[in-house]
Amino acid sequence: MNVSSLSNYTSPSLRLRSPTGFWGQPTATVDWCEPNYQHSFYIAEFWNTVSNLLFVILGLYGLVRSMKQGFEWRFHTLFLSVIITGFGSAMFHGTLQQMHQQFDETPMIWGILVWIYIVFENEYKKLGIPNAVVVAALTIFGGGFALLHSIYHFTLVFQLFFGILAWLCLFRLCGHYAQVKDPRAKAVARSFLRNTLLGFGFWMLDYHYCSQLKLLPFNPQGHAWWHILVGIGSYHGPVFMQYVRMEQQQKKAEIVDVMYGIHTIVVHTDEDMANIKPKSL
């Protein structure tokens, strides 16, 4: 299969002519199972668009917390990629235009490359590869992908590439999970894995079984659920790796509840530890 055939691949639902709204007929290589312009003349896929709000909210919260806690730029960049992906995905689903599809898919690749940098840090240090070389290589790789993707619009290549890197990160994260002893930190990692895998299941159903889903009396909005579940996972994953990083640097940190199953990390300074009074017997 050549690049041309890859770039012209469309999902089964895209082969059916969609209602025309403000943005005109879809030019993206993928159209999802949600009926187009059903709820708004200005938004092609309403629920697939608004469900991206969770990426933006949790990404902003994670970024602010990361900066206040004094974490390294790698984590700031990771949360920033979550925010950008949320905006890009909303633009894609809101318009179903090919140019906006780029704003969704390319930041996803950039984000997963930051994940590669974080979770495999021990490996490239053992190999003696300088940090600057790793950063430069990943940056060039991300830039090269963005350039080629803007030219050839390859859908399957993007999906395969992102999928392989994501599974590599999940596999390595399981190794970090095995080394962590704190039960609350482990719970955050399980939330990341559970929501990501469950969200992927919804993605698969929406993408591959749209014709069967349309026989149901209601649309289960599988792709919107993918956004919601992966939005939570995209926040909890970095929080877990922040805890791992604190253990590597032999700093005291703990996972605390925020609300509704969302957690954050609190880093304790030496002054904080000195002010903690021992519990009475």
Protein backbone atom coordinates (compact mmCIF):
# COMPACT_ATOMS: atom_id res chain seq x y z
CA MET A 1 0.00 0.00 0.00
CA ASN A 2 1.55 3.32 -1.05
CA VAL A 3 1.37 6.71 0.62
CA SER A 4 -1.33 7.88 -1.76
CA SER A 5 -3.68 5.06 -0.83
CA LEU A 6 -2.97 5.60 2.84
CA SER A 7 -3.75 9.29 2.59
CA ASN A 8 -7.03 8.61 0.76
CA TYR A 9 -8.30 6.12 3.32
CA THR A 10 -11.70 6.96 4.79
CA SER A 11 -13.79 5.40 7.51
CA PRO A 12 -17.02 3.65 6.45
CA SER A 13 -19.14 6.48 7.84
CA LEU A 14 -17.40 9.05 5.62
CA ARG A 15 -18.57 7.27 2.49
CA LEU A 16 -22.14 8.32 3.27
CA ARG A 17 -22.85 11.90 2.23
CA SER A 18 -23.34 13.99 5.35
CA PRO A 19 -25.68 16.94 5.90
CA THR A 20 -24.01 20.22 5.03
CA GLY A 21 -23.55 22.82 7.75
CA PHE A 22 -21.53 25.97 8.22
CA TRP A 23 -18.20 24.31 7.34
CA GLY A 24 -19.47 22.55 4.21
CA GLN A 25 -18.84 18.95 3.22
CA PRO A 26 -16.14 17.12 5.25
CA THR A 27 -12.65 17.11 3.76
CA ALA A 28 -11.03 15.18 6.63
CA THR A 29 -9.93 11.61 5.97
CA VAL A 30 -12.08 10.37 8.87
CA ASP A 31 -15.70 11.05 9.77
CA TRP A 32 -16.99 9.55 12.99
CA CYS A 33 -20.25 7.83 13.84
CA GLU A 34 -21.98 10.86 15.36
CA PRO A 35 -24.41 12.37 12.82
CA ASN A 36 -23.09 15.63 11.41
CA TYR A 37 -24.74 18.96 12.20
CA GLN A 38 -27.45 17.23 14.22
CA HIS A 39 -27.41 19.69 17.13
CA SER A 40 -25.92 22.84 15.62
CA PHE A 41 -25.51 24.36 12.17
CA TYR A 42 -22.06 25.57 13.25
CA ILE A 43 -20.67 22.39 14.85
CA ALA A 44 -20.23 19.29 12.68
CA GLU A 45 -20.00 16.75 15.53
CA PHE A 46 -21.44 18.37 18.63
CA TRP A 47 -20.67 15.81 21.35
CA ASN A 48 -17.31 14.88 19.86
CA THR A 49 -16.44 18.58 20.03
CA VAL A 50 -17.62 19.58 23.50
CA SER A 51 -16.19 16.42 25.10
CA ASN A 52 -12.72 17.84 24.43
CA LEU A 53 -13.33 20.41 27.15
CA LEU A 54 -12.04 17.90 29.70
CA PHE A 55 -8.63 17.83 28.00
CA VAL A 56 -8.38 21.59 28.28
CA ILE A 57 -9.62 21.87 31.89
CA LEU A 58 -7.52 19.03 33.31
CA GLY A 59 -4.53 20.01 31.19
CA LEU A 60 -4.65 23.59 32.48
CA TYR A 61 -5.06 22.41 36.06
CA GLY A 62 -2.15 19.99 35.70
CA LEU A 63 0.04 22.66 34.10
CA VAL A 64 -0.65 25.20 36.86
CA ARG A 65 -0.02 22.60 39.57
CA SER A 66 3.15 21.43 37.84
CA MET A 67 4.56 24.95 37.69
CA LYS A 68 3.61 25.79 41.27
CA GLN A 69 5.18 22.57 42.56
CA GLY A 70 8.41 23.34 40.73
CA PHE A 71 8.49 20.32 38.41
CA GLU A 72 10.75 20.19 35.38
CA TRP A 73 9.79 21.48 31.96
CA ARG A 74 9.18 17.97 30.68
CA PHE A 75 5.97 17.84 32.72
CA HIS A 76 4.94 21.37 31.78
CA THR A 77 5.34 20.35 28.13
CA LEU A 78 3.33 17.17 28.64
CA PHE A 79 0.38 19.02 30.17
CA LEU A 80 0.67 21.68 27.48
CA SER A 81 0.37 18.98 24.82
CA VAL A 82 -2.84 17.78 26.49
CA ILE A 83 -4.29 21.29 26.27
CA ILE A 84 -3.25 21.75 22.63
CA THR A 85 -4.65 18.35 21.71
CA GLY A 86 -7.97 19.28 23.31
CA PHE A 87 -8.23 22.49 21.29
CA GLY A 88 -7.04 20.77 18.11
CA SER A 89 -9.48 17.90 18.49
CA ALA A 90 -12.35 20.34 19.08
CA MET A 91 -11.41 22.16 15.87
CA PHE A 92 -11.29 18.89 13.96
CA HIS A 93 -14.61 17.51 15.17
CA GLY A 94 -16.28 20.90 15.02
CA THR A 95 -15.43 21.35 11.34
CA LEU A 96 -14.40 17.96 9.89
CA GLN A 97 -11.95 19.83 7.68
CA GLN A 98 -8.64 18.22 6.77
CA MET A 99 -6.53 21.18 7.89
CA HIS A 100 -8.08 21.04 11.36
CA GLN A 101 -7.54 17.28 11.45
CA GLN A 102 -3.83 18.13 11.41
CA PHE A 103 -4.32 20.25 14.56
CA ASP A 104 -5.68 17.15 16.31
CA GLU A 105 -3.33 14.41 15.14
CA THR A 106 0.03 16.18 15.08
CA PRO A 107 -0.13 17.36 18.76
CA MET A 108 -1.01 13.77 19.72
CA ILE A 109 2.28 12.62 18.20
CA TRP A 110 4.17 15.45 19.91
CA GLY A 111 2.60 14.49 23.24
CA ILE A 112 3.49 10.81 22.90
CA LEU A 113 7.09 11.76 22.07
CA VAL A 114 7.25 13.69 25.37
CA TRP A 115 5.94 10.53 27.04
CA ILE A 116 8.76 8.54 25.40
CA TYR A 117 11.28 11.02 26.80
CA ILE A 118 9.86 10.75 30.33
CA VAL A 119 9.18 7.04 30.76
CA PHE A 120 12.37 5.82 29.05
CA GLU A 121 14.75 8.23 30.77
CA ASN A 122 16.49 5.48 32.75
CA GLU A 123 17.11 3.47 29.59
CA TYR A 124 18.84 6.16 27.54
CA LYS A 125 20.89 7.21 30.59
CA LYS A 126 22.12 3.63 31.01
CA LEU A 127 23.11 3.66 27.35
CA GLY A 128 25.09 6.85 27.95
CA ILE A 129 23.08 8.91 25.46
CA PRO A 130 23.29 12.62 26.37
CA ASN A 131 20.02 14.27 27.31
CA ALA A 132 20.50 16.97 24.66
CA VAL A 133 20.80 14.30 21.95
CA VAL A 134 17.54 12.64 23.03
CA VAL A 135 15.69 15.97 23.08
CA ALA A 136 17.09 16.96 19.68
CA ALA A 137 16.22 13.58 18.13
CA LEU A 138 12.64 13.63 19.43
CA THR A 139 12.21 17.25 18.34
CA ILE A 140 13.44 16.51 14.82
CA PHE A 141 11.24 13.43 14.69
CA GLY A 142 8.18 15.41 15.77
CA GLY A 143 8.91 18.18 13.29
CA GLY A 144 9.50 15.72 10.47
CA PHE A 145 6.24 13.95 11.19
CA ALA A 146 4.34 17.25 11.18
CA LEU A 147 5.84 18.19 7.82
CA LEU A 148 5.15 14.83 6.15
CA HIS A 149 1.67 14.60 7.64
CA SER A 150 0.80 18.06 6.28
CA ILE A 151 1.85 16.91 2.80
CA TYR A 152 0.51 13.35 2.57
CA HIS A 153 -2.36 13.43 5.12
CA PHE A 154 -1.74 9.77 6.00
CA THR A 155 -4.39 8.45 8.38
CA LEU A 156 -3.31 4.83 8.81
CA VAL A 157 0.35 5.78 9.22
CA PHE A 158 -0.62 8.20 11.99
CA GLN A 159 -2.80 5.62 13.74
CA LEU A 160 -0.17 2.88 13.54
CA PHE A 161 2.66 5.17 14.60
CA PHE A 162 0.73 6.63 17.52
CA GLY A 163 -0.53 3.20 18.56
CA ILE A 164 2.93 1.62 18.62
CA LEU A 165 4.43 4.47 20.66
CA ALA A 166 1.45 4.49 23.04
CA TRP A 167 1.74 0.75 23.72
CA LEU A 168 5.50 1.13 24.31
CA CYS A 169 4.78 3.85 26.88
CA LEU A 170 2.08 1.77 28.58
CA PHE A 171 4.44 -1.21 28.78
CA ARG A 172 7.23 0.89 30.33
CA LEU A 173 4.83 2.61 32.71
CA CYS A 174 3.88 -0.83 34.07
CA GLY A 175 7.53 -1.23 35.04
CA HIS A 176 7.41 2.03 37.00
CA TYR A 177 4.14 0.90 38.56
CA ALA A 178 5.78 -2.28 39.86
CA GLN A 179 8.50 -0.24 41.61
CA VAL A 180 6.16 2.21 43.35
CA LYS A 181 4.96 1.17 46.82
CA ASP A 182 2.55 3.98 47.71
CA PRO A 183 -1.05 2.68 47.27
CA ARG A 184 -2.48 6.09 46.31
CA ALA A 185 0.14 6.57 43.61
CA LYS A 186 -0.61 3.09 42.32
CA ALA A 187 -4.32 3.96 42.25
CA VAL A 188 -3.58 6.97 40.03
CA ALA A 189 -1.59 4.73 37.66
CA ARG A 190 -4.46 2.25 37.54
CA SER A 191 -6.87 5.10 36.75
CA PHE A 192 -4.63 6.10 33.86
CA LEU A 193 -4.44 2.55 32.49
CA ARG A 194 -8.11 1.74 33.07
CA ASN A 195 -9.46 4.91 31.48
CA THR A 196 -7.06 4.74 28.55
CA LEU A 197 -7.86 1.12 27.70
CA LEU A 198 -11.60 1.56 28.21
CA GLY A 199 -11.53 4.69 26.07
CA PHE A 200 -9.67 2.78 23.36
CA GLY A 201 -12.45 0.20 23.41
CA PHE A 202 -15.02 2.94 22.75
CA TRP A 203 -12.80 4.31 19.97
CA MET A 204 -12.66 0.90 18.29
CA LEU A 205 -16.43 0.42 18.48
CA ASP A 206 -17.15 3.86 17.05
CA TYR A 207 -14.56 3.56 14.30
CA HIS A 208 -15.11 -0.02 13.12
CA TYR A 209 -18.74 -0.79 13.98
CA CYS A 210 -20.57 2.41 13.06
CA SER A 211 -23.02 0.65 10.72
CA GLN A 212 -24.05 -1.72 13.52
CA LEU A 213 -24.27 1.09 16.08
CA LYS A 214 -26.63 3.03 13.81
CA LEU A 215 -29.16 0.21 14.22
CA LEU A 216 -29.48 1.07 17.92
CA PRO A 217 -32.34 3.33 19.06
CA PHE A 218 -29.76 5.85 20.30
CA ASN A 219 -26.19 6.82 19.47
CA PRO A 220 -23.84 5.69 22.29
CA GLN A 221 -21.41 8.51 21.37
CA GLY A 222 -18.41 6.20 21.56
CA HIS A 223 -15.89 8.76 20.35
CA ALA A 224 -17.08 11.33 22.88
CA TRP A 225 -16.56 8.73 25.62
CA TRP A 226 -13.07 8.16 24.21
CA HIS A 227 -12.38 11.87 24.76
CA ILE A 228 -13.74 11.84 28.32
CA LEU A 229 -11.93 8.71 29.44
CA VAL A 230 -8.64 9.51 27.73
CA GLY A 231 -8.93 13.10 29.00
CA ILE A 232 -8.87 11.75 32.57
CA GLY A 233 -6.09 9.32 31.69
CA SER A 234 -4.04 12.05 30.00
CA TYR A 235 -4.11 13.96 33.29
CA HIS A 236 -3.51 11.08 35.71
CA GLY A 237 -0.66 9.61 33.67
CA PRO A 238 1.61 12.65 34.09
CA VAL A 239 0.63 12.95 37.78
CA PHE A 240 1.81 9.38 38.34
CA MET A 241 5.08 10.01 36.53
CA GLN A 242 5.58 13.14 38.63
CA TYR A 243 5.38 10.93 41.70
CA VAL A 244 7.88 8.52 40.12
CA ARG A 245 10.19 11.46 39.43
CA MET A 246 10.03 12.59 43.05
CA GLU A 247 10.97 9.10 44.22
CA GLN A 248 13.90 9.08 41.80
CA GLN A 249 15.09 12.39 43.25
CA GLN A 250 14.43 11.11 46.81
CA LYS A 251 11.92 13.87 47.54
CA LYS A 252 8.82 13.52 49.67
CA ALA A 253 5.54 13.72 47.78
CA GLU A 254 2.02 12.44 48.23
CA ILE A 255 -1.09 11.96 46.13
CA VAL A 256 -4.18 13.79 47.39
CA ASP A 257 -7.81 13.89 46.29
CA VAL A 258 -9.14 16.92 44.42
CA MET A 259 -12.73 15.99 43.52
CA TYR A 260 -14.78 13.32 41.77
CA GLY A 261 -11.96 10.81 41.40
CA ILE A 262 -9.40 13.39 40.24
CA HIS A 263 -6.11 13.46 42.14
CA THR A 264 -3.07 15.69 42.29
CA ILE A 265 0.42 15.54 43.74
CA VAL A 266 1.78 17.59 46.63
CA VAL A 267 5.55 17.93 47.01
CA HIS A 268 6.75 18.52 50.58
CA THR A 269 9.78 20.69 51.25
CA ASP A 270 12.15 20.11 54.18
CA GLU A 271 10.38 22.94 55.99
CA ASP A 272 7.02 21.26 55.46
CA MET A 273 8.33 18.01 56.88
CA ALA A 274 9.77 19.80 59.92
CA ASN A 275 6.39 21.38 60.67
CA ILE A 276 4.50 18.09 60.51
CA LYS A 277 3.65 17.07 64.05
CA PRO A 278 3.77 13.38 64.92
CA LYS A 279 0.41 11.77 65.59
CA SER A 280 -0.31 11.03 69.24
CA LEU A 281 -0.74 7.43 70.25
